[in-house]
PDB file of N, CA and C in Angstrom:
ATOM      1  N   MET A   1      -9.527 -26.271  -8.347  1.00  0.00           N
ATOM      2  CA  MET A   1      -8.532 -26.704  -7.465  1.00  0.00           C
ATOM      3  C   MET A   1      -8.549 -26.208  -6.167  1.00  0.00           C
ATOM      4  N   LYS A   2      -8.321 -26.996  -5.186  1.00  0.00           N
ATOM      5  CA  LYS A   2      -8.585 -26.465  -3.748  1.00  0.00           C
ATOM      6  C   LYS A   2      -7.159 -26.377  -3.251  1.00  0.00           C
ATOM      7  N   THR A   3      -6.875 -25.119  -2.764  1.00  0.00           N
ATOM      8  CA  THR A   3      -5.634 -24.677  -2.274  1.00  0.00           C
ATOM      9  C   THR A   3      -5.502 -24.827  -0.735  1.00  0.00           C
ATOM     10  N   ASN A   4      -4.792 -25.206  -0.127  1.00  0.00           N
ATOM     11  CA  ASN A   4      -4.603 -25.266   1.262  1.00  0.00           C
ATOM     12  C   ASN A   4      -3.666 -24.330   1.817  1.00  0.00           C
ATOM     13  N   ARG A   5      -3.628 -24.106   3.064  1.00  0.00           N
ATOM     14  CA  ARG A   5      -2.773 -23.206   3.586  1.00  0.00           C
ATOM     15  C   ARG A   5      -1.173 -23.122   3.221  1.00  0.00           C
ATOM     16  N   ARG A   6      -0.688 -24.462   3.065  1.00  0.00           N
ATOM     17  CA  ARG A   6       0.654 -24.696   2.809  1.00  0.00           C
ATOM     18  C   ARG A   6       1.126 -24.212   1.558  1.00  0.00           C
ATOM     19  N   GLN A   7       0.031 -24.550   0.661  1.00  0.00           N
ATOM     20  CA  GLN A   7       0.469 -24.266  -0.801  1.00  0.00           C
ATOM     21  C   GLN A   7       0.324 -22.732  -0.827  1.00  0.00           C
ATOM     22  N   PHE A   8      -0.581 -22.079  -0.316  1.00  0.00           N
ATOM     23  CA  PHE A   8      -0.705 -20.663  -0.311  1.00  0.00           C
ATOM     24  C   PHE A   8       0.655 -19.972   0.078  1.00  0.00           C
ATOM     25  N   LEU A   9       1.367 -20.616   1.106  1.00  0.00           N
ATOM     26  CA  LEU A   9       2.396 -19.955   1.909  1.00  0.00           C
ATOM     27  C   LEU A   9       3.533 -20.118   0.693  1.00  0.00           C
ATOM     28  N   ILE A  10       3.599 -21.325   0.235  1.00  0.00           N
ATOM     29  CA  ILE A  10       4.598 -21.629  -0.550  1.00  0.00           C
ATOM     30  C   ILE A  10       4.592 -20.688  -2.040  1.00  0.00           C
ATOM     31  N   LEU A  11       3.332 -20.395  -2.442  1.00  0.00           N
ATOM     32  CA  LEU A  11       3.103 -19.582  -3.549  1.00  0.00           C
ATOM     33  C   LEU A  11       3.414 -18.048  -3.258  1.00  0.00           C
ATOM     34  N   GLY A  12       3.167 -17.705  -1.940  1.00  0.00           N
ATOM     35  CA  GLY A  12       3.556 -16.422  -1.253  1.00  0.00           C
ATOM     36  C   GLY A  12       5.099 -16.087  -1.263  1.00  0.00           C
ATOM     37  N   ALA A  13       5.720 -17.187  -0.801  1.00  0.00           N
ATOM     38  CA  ALA A  13       7.290 -17.280  -0.918  1.00  0.00           C
ATOM     39  C   ALA A  13       7.772 -17.214  -2.304  1.00  0.00           C
ATOM     40  N   ALA A  14       7.200 -17.855  -3.269  1.00  0.00           N
ATOM     41  CA  ALA A  14       7.628 -17.807  -4.544  1.00  0.00           C
ATOM     42  C   ALA A  14       7.592 -16.315  -5.240  1.00  0.00           C
ATOM     43  N   ALA A  15       6.206 -15.712  -4.947  1.00  0.00           N
ATOM     44  CA  ALA A  15       6.114 -14.252  -5.327  1.00  0.00           C
ATOM     45  C   ALA A  15       7.065 -13.396  -4.502  1.00  0.00           C
ATOM     46  N   ALA A  16       7.443 -13.604  -3.544  1.00  0.00           N
ATOM     47  CA  ALA A  16       8.289 -12.801  -2.683  1.00  0.00           C
ATOM     48  C   ALA A  16       9.661 -12.642  -3.391  1.00  0.00           C
ATOM     49  N   THR A  17      10.048 -14.068  -3.719  1.00  0.00           N
ATOM     50  CA  THR A  17      11.341 -14.319  -4.445  1.00  0.00           C
ATOM     51  C   THR A  17      11.451 -13.642  -5.824  1.00  0.00           C
ATOM     52  N   ALA A  18      10.242 -13.762  -6.448  1.00  0.00           N
ATOM     53  CA  ALA A  18      10.274 -13.163  -7.822  1.00  0.00           C
ATOM     54  C   ALA A  18      10.235 -11.515  -7.570  1.00  0.00           C
ATOM     55  N   ALA A  19       9.642 -11.144  -6.432  1.00  0.00           N
ATOM     56  CA  ALA A  19       9.785  -9.460  -6.393  1.00  0.00           C
ATOM     57  C   ALA A  19      11.124  -9.160  -6.074  1.00  0.00           C
ATOM     58  N   ARG A  20      11.907  -9.956  -5.275  1.00  0.00           N
ATOM     59  CA  ARG A  20      13.285  -9.544  -4.867  1.00  0.00           C
ATOM     60  C   ARG A  20      14.200  -9.535  -6.257  1.00  0.00           C
ATOM     61  N   LEU A  21      13.854 -10.676  -6.956  1.00  0.00           N
ATOM     62  CA  LEU A  21      14.631 -10.592  -7.984  1.00  0.00           C
ATOM     63  C   LEU A  21      14.318  -9.814  -9.483  1.00  0.00           C
ATOM     64  N   GLY A  22      13.123  -9.507  -9.143  1.00  0.00           N
ATOM     65  CA  GLY A  22      12.424  -8.420 -10.322  1.00  0.00           C
ATOM     66  C   GLY A  22      13.217  -7.001 -10.412  1.00  0.00           C
ATOM     67  N   PRO A  23      13.565  -6.205  -9.470  1.00  0.00           N
ATOM     68  CA  PRO A  23      14.135  -4.989  -9.900  1.00  0.00           C
ATOM     69  C   PRO A  23      15.474  -5.037 -10.931  1.00  0.00           C
ATOM     70  N   THR A  24      15.957  -6.018 -11.126  1.00  0.00           N
ATOM     71  CA  THR A  24      16.886  -6.247 -12.275  1.00  0.00           C
ATOM     72  C   THR A  24      16.128  -6.188 -13.563  1.00  0.00           C
ATOM     73  N   PHE A  25      15.081  -6.745 -13.820  1.00  0.00           N
ATOM     74  CA  PHE A  25      14.289  -6.762 -14.918  1.00  0.00           C
ATOM     75  C   PHE A  25      13.627  -5.487 -15.153  1.00  0.00           C
ATOM     76  N   VAL A  26      13.135  -4.921 -14.053  1.00  0.00           N
ATOM     77  CA  VAL A  26      12.409  -3.613 -14.229  1.00  0.00           C
ATOM     78  C   VAL A  26      13.410  -2.506 -14.457  1.00  0.00           C
ATOM     79  N   ALA A  27      14.503  -2.485 -14.206  1.00  0.00           N
ATOM     80  CA  ALA A  27      15.414  -1.461 -14.250  1.00  0.00           C
ATOM     81  C   ALA A  27      15.839  -1.594 -15.691  1.00  0.00           C
ATOM     82  N   ARG A  28      15.834  -2.790 -16.593  1.00  0.00           N
ATOM     83  CA  ARG A  28      16.042  -2.845 -17.872  1.00  0.00           C
ATOM     84  C   ARG A  28      14.749  -2.447 -18.774  1.00  0.00           C
ATOM     85  N   THR A  29      13.667  -2.780 -18.209  1.00  0.00           N
ATOM     86  CA  THR A  29      12.499  -2.179 -18.890  1.00  0.00           C
ATOM     87  C   THR A  29      11.908  -1.057 -18.683  1.00  0.00           C
ATOM     88  N   GLY A  30      12.277  -0.218 -17.331  1.00  0.00           N
ATOM     89  CA  GLY A  30      12.018   1.253 -17.176  1.00  0.00           C
ATOM     90  C   GLY A  30      10.736   1.261 -16.584  1.00  0.00           C
ATOM     91  N   GLY A  31      10.209   0.264 -15.772  1.00  0.00           N
ATOM     92  CA  GLY A  31       8.875   0.211 -15.290  1.00  0.00           C
ATOM     93  C   GLY A  31       8.728  -0.032 -13.843  1.00  0.00           C
ATOM     94  N   ARG A  32       7.703   0.027 -13.241  1.00  0.00           N
ATOM     95  CA  ARG A  32       7.387  -0.243 -11.494  1.00  0.00           C
ATOM     96  C   ARG A  32       6.769  -1.486 -11.420  1.00  0.00           C
ATOM     97  N   ARG A  33       7.016  -2.235 -10.382  1.00  0.00           N
ATOM     98  CA  ARG A  33       6.163  -3.413 -10.185  1.00  0.00           C
ATOM     99  C   ARG A  33       5.318  -3.080  -9.058  1.00  0.00           C
ATOM    100  N   ILE A  34       3.907  -3.463  -9.259  1.00  0.00           N
ATOM    101  CA  ILE A  34       2.962  -3.347  -8.014  1.00  0.00           C
ATOM    102  C   ILE A  34       2.378  -4.699  -7.573  1.00  0.00           C
ATOM    103  N   LEU A  35       2.776  -4.806  -6.345  1.00  0.00           N
ATOM    104  CA  LEU A  35       2.088  -6.166  -5.717  1.00  0.00           C
ATOM    105  C   LEU A  35       0.700  -5.798  -5.053  1.00  0.00           C
ATOM    106  N   THR A  36      -0.374  -6.369  -5.264  1.00  0.00           N
ATOM    107  CA  THR A  36      -1.467  -6.169  -4.666  1.00  0.00           C
ATOM    108  C   THR A  36      -2.191  -7.609  -4.247  1.00  0.00           C
ATOM    109  N   LEU A  37      -2.730  -7.418  -2.882  1.00  0.00           N
ATOM    110  CA  LEU A  37      -3.363  -8.755  -2.459  1.00  0.00           C
ATOM    111  C   LEU A  37      -4.953  -8.625  -2.803  1.00  0.00           C
ATOM    112  N   VAL A  38      -5.519  -9.549  -3.369  1.00  0.00           N
ATOM    113  CA  VAL A  38      -6.868  -9.394  -3.919  1.00  0.00           C
ATOM    114  C   VAL A  38      -7.600 -10.937  -3.374  1.00  0.00           C
ATOM    115  N   TYR A  39      -8.903 -10.680  -3.092  1.00  0.00           N
ATOM    116  CA  TYR A  39      -9.877 -12.001  -2.612  1.00  0.00           C
ATOM    117  C   TYR A  39     -10.209 -12.502  -3.866  1.00  0.00           C
ATOM    118  N   ASP A  40      -9.795 -13.847  -3.983  1.00  0.00           N
ATOM    119  CA  ASP A  40     -10.260 -14.533  -5.062  1.00  0.00           C
ATOM    120  C   ASP A  40     -11.579 -15.253  -4.634  1.00  0.00           C
ATOM    121  N   LYS A  41     -12.717 -15.100  -5.084  1.00  0.00           N
ATOM    122  CA  LYS A  41     -13.986 -15.966  -4.577  1.00  0.00           C
ATOM    123  C   LYS A  41     -13.793 -17.404  -5.058  1.00  0.00           C
ATOM    124  N   GLY A  42     -13.151 -17.401  -6.160  1.00  0.00           N
ATOM    125  CA  GLY A  42     -13.014 -18.852  -6.684  1.00  0.00           C
ATOM    126  C   GLY A  42     -12.136 -19.937  -5.680  1.00  0.00           C
ATOM    127  N   LEU A  43     -11.115 -19.366  -5.244  1.00  0.00           N
ATOM    128  CA  LEU A  43     -10.135 -19.980  -4.432  1.00  0.00           C
ATOM    129  C   LEU A  43     -10.654 -19.884  -2.827  1.00  0.00           C
ATOM    130  N   GLY A  44     -11.479 -18.817  -2.636  1.00  0.00           N
ATOM    131  CA  GLY A  44     -11.904 -18.690  -1.422  1.00  0.00           C
ATOM    132  C   GLY A  44     -10.836 -18.112  -0.304  1.00  0.00           C
ATOM    133  N   MET A  45      -9.927 -17.450  -0.833  1.00  0.00           N
ATOM    134  CA  MET A  45      -8.729 -16.922  -0.145  1.00  0.00           C
ATOM    135  C   MET A  45      -8.241 -15.872  -0.785  1.00  0.00           C
ATOM    136  N   MET A  46      -7.123 -15.064  -0.157  1.00  0.00           N
ATOM    137  CA  MET A  46      -6.486 -13.991  -0.745  1.00  0.00           C
ATOM    138  C   MET A  46      -5.141 -14.547  -1.739  1.00  0.00           C
ATOM    139  N   ARG A  47      -5.051 -13.996  -2.811  1.00  0.00           N
ATOM    140  CA  ARG A  47      -3.803 -14.127  -3.694  1.00  0.00           C
ATOM    141  C   ARG A  47      -3.284 -12.940  -4.133  1.00  0.00           C
ATOM    142  N   ALA A  48      -1.822 -13.042  -4.330  1.00  0.00           N
ATOM    143  CA  ALA A  48      -0.991 -11.851  -4.748  1.00  0.00           C
ATOM    144  C   ALA A  48      -1.072 -11.551  -6.263  1.00  0.00           C
ATOM    145  N   VAL A  49      -1.184 -10.466  -6.694  1.00  0.00           N
ATOM    146  CA  VAL A  49      -1.241 -10.219  -8.360  1.00  0.00           C
ATOM    147  C   VAL A  49      -0.031  -9.086  -8.453  1.00  0.00           C
ATOM    148  N   ASP A  50       0.677  -9.494  -9.195  1.00  0.00           N
ATOM    149  CA  ASP A  50       2.065  -8.725  -9.530  1.00  0.00           C
ATOM    150  C   ASP A  50       1.679  -8.046 -10.874  1.00  0.00           C
ATOM    151  N   ARG A  51       1.826  -6.686 -10.989  1.00  0.00           N
ATOM    152  CA  ARG A  51       1.595  -6.125 -12.219  1.00  0.00           C
ATOM    153  C   ARG A  51       2.866  -5.280 -12.586  1.00  0.00           C
ATOM    154  N   LEU A  52       3.226  -5.183 -13.980  1.00  0.00           N
ATOM    155  CA  LEU A  52       4.332  -4.202 -14.262  1.00  0.00           C
ATOM    156  C   LEU A  52       3.743  -2.901 -14.895  1.00  0.00           C
ATOM    157  N   ILE A  53       3.914  -1.937 -14.134  1.00  0.00           N
ATOM    158  CA  ILE A  53       3.602  -0.543 -14.701  1.00  0.00           C
ATOM    159  C   ILE A  53       4.723   0.164 -15.442  1.00  0.00           C
ATOM    160  N   PRO A  54       4.382   0.586 -16.923  1.00  0.00           N
ATOM    161  CA  PRO A  54       5.389   1.151 -17.554  1.00  0.00           C
ATOM    162  C   PRO A  54       5.702   2.504 -17.173  1.00  0.00           C
TER     163      PRO A  54
END
C-alpha cells in the first residue's frame, strides 16, 4: 500500500486524537502510554507506534 503525505497526516491526526482520549482508558487500567516514531522501510516513511506499558 502506497501512502501519500495527506494520508500520513490524517493517520497522525487520528493517533493524536486517540492519545488525547486515551488517558481515561489508561487511568482505568493503571498503565502508561508511550508514543514512538519509527521509520518503516516498507512504507518508506515515519509512522507512530503507540504502546501501553503496565
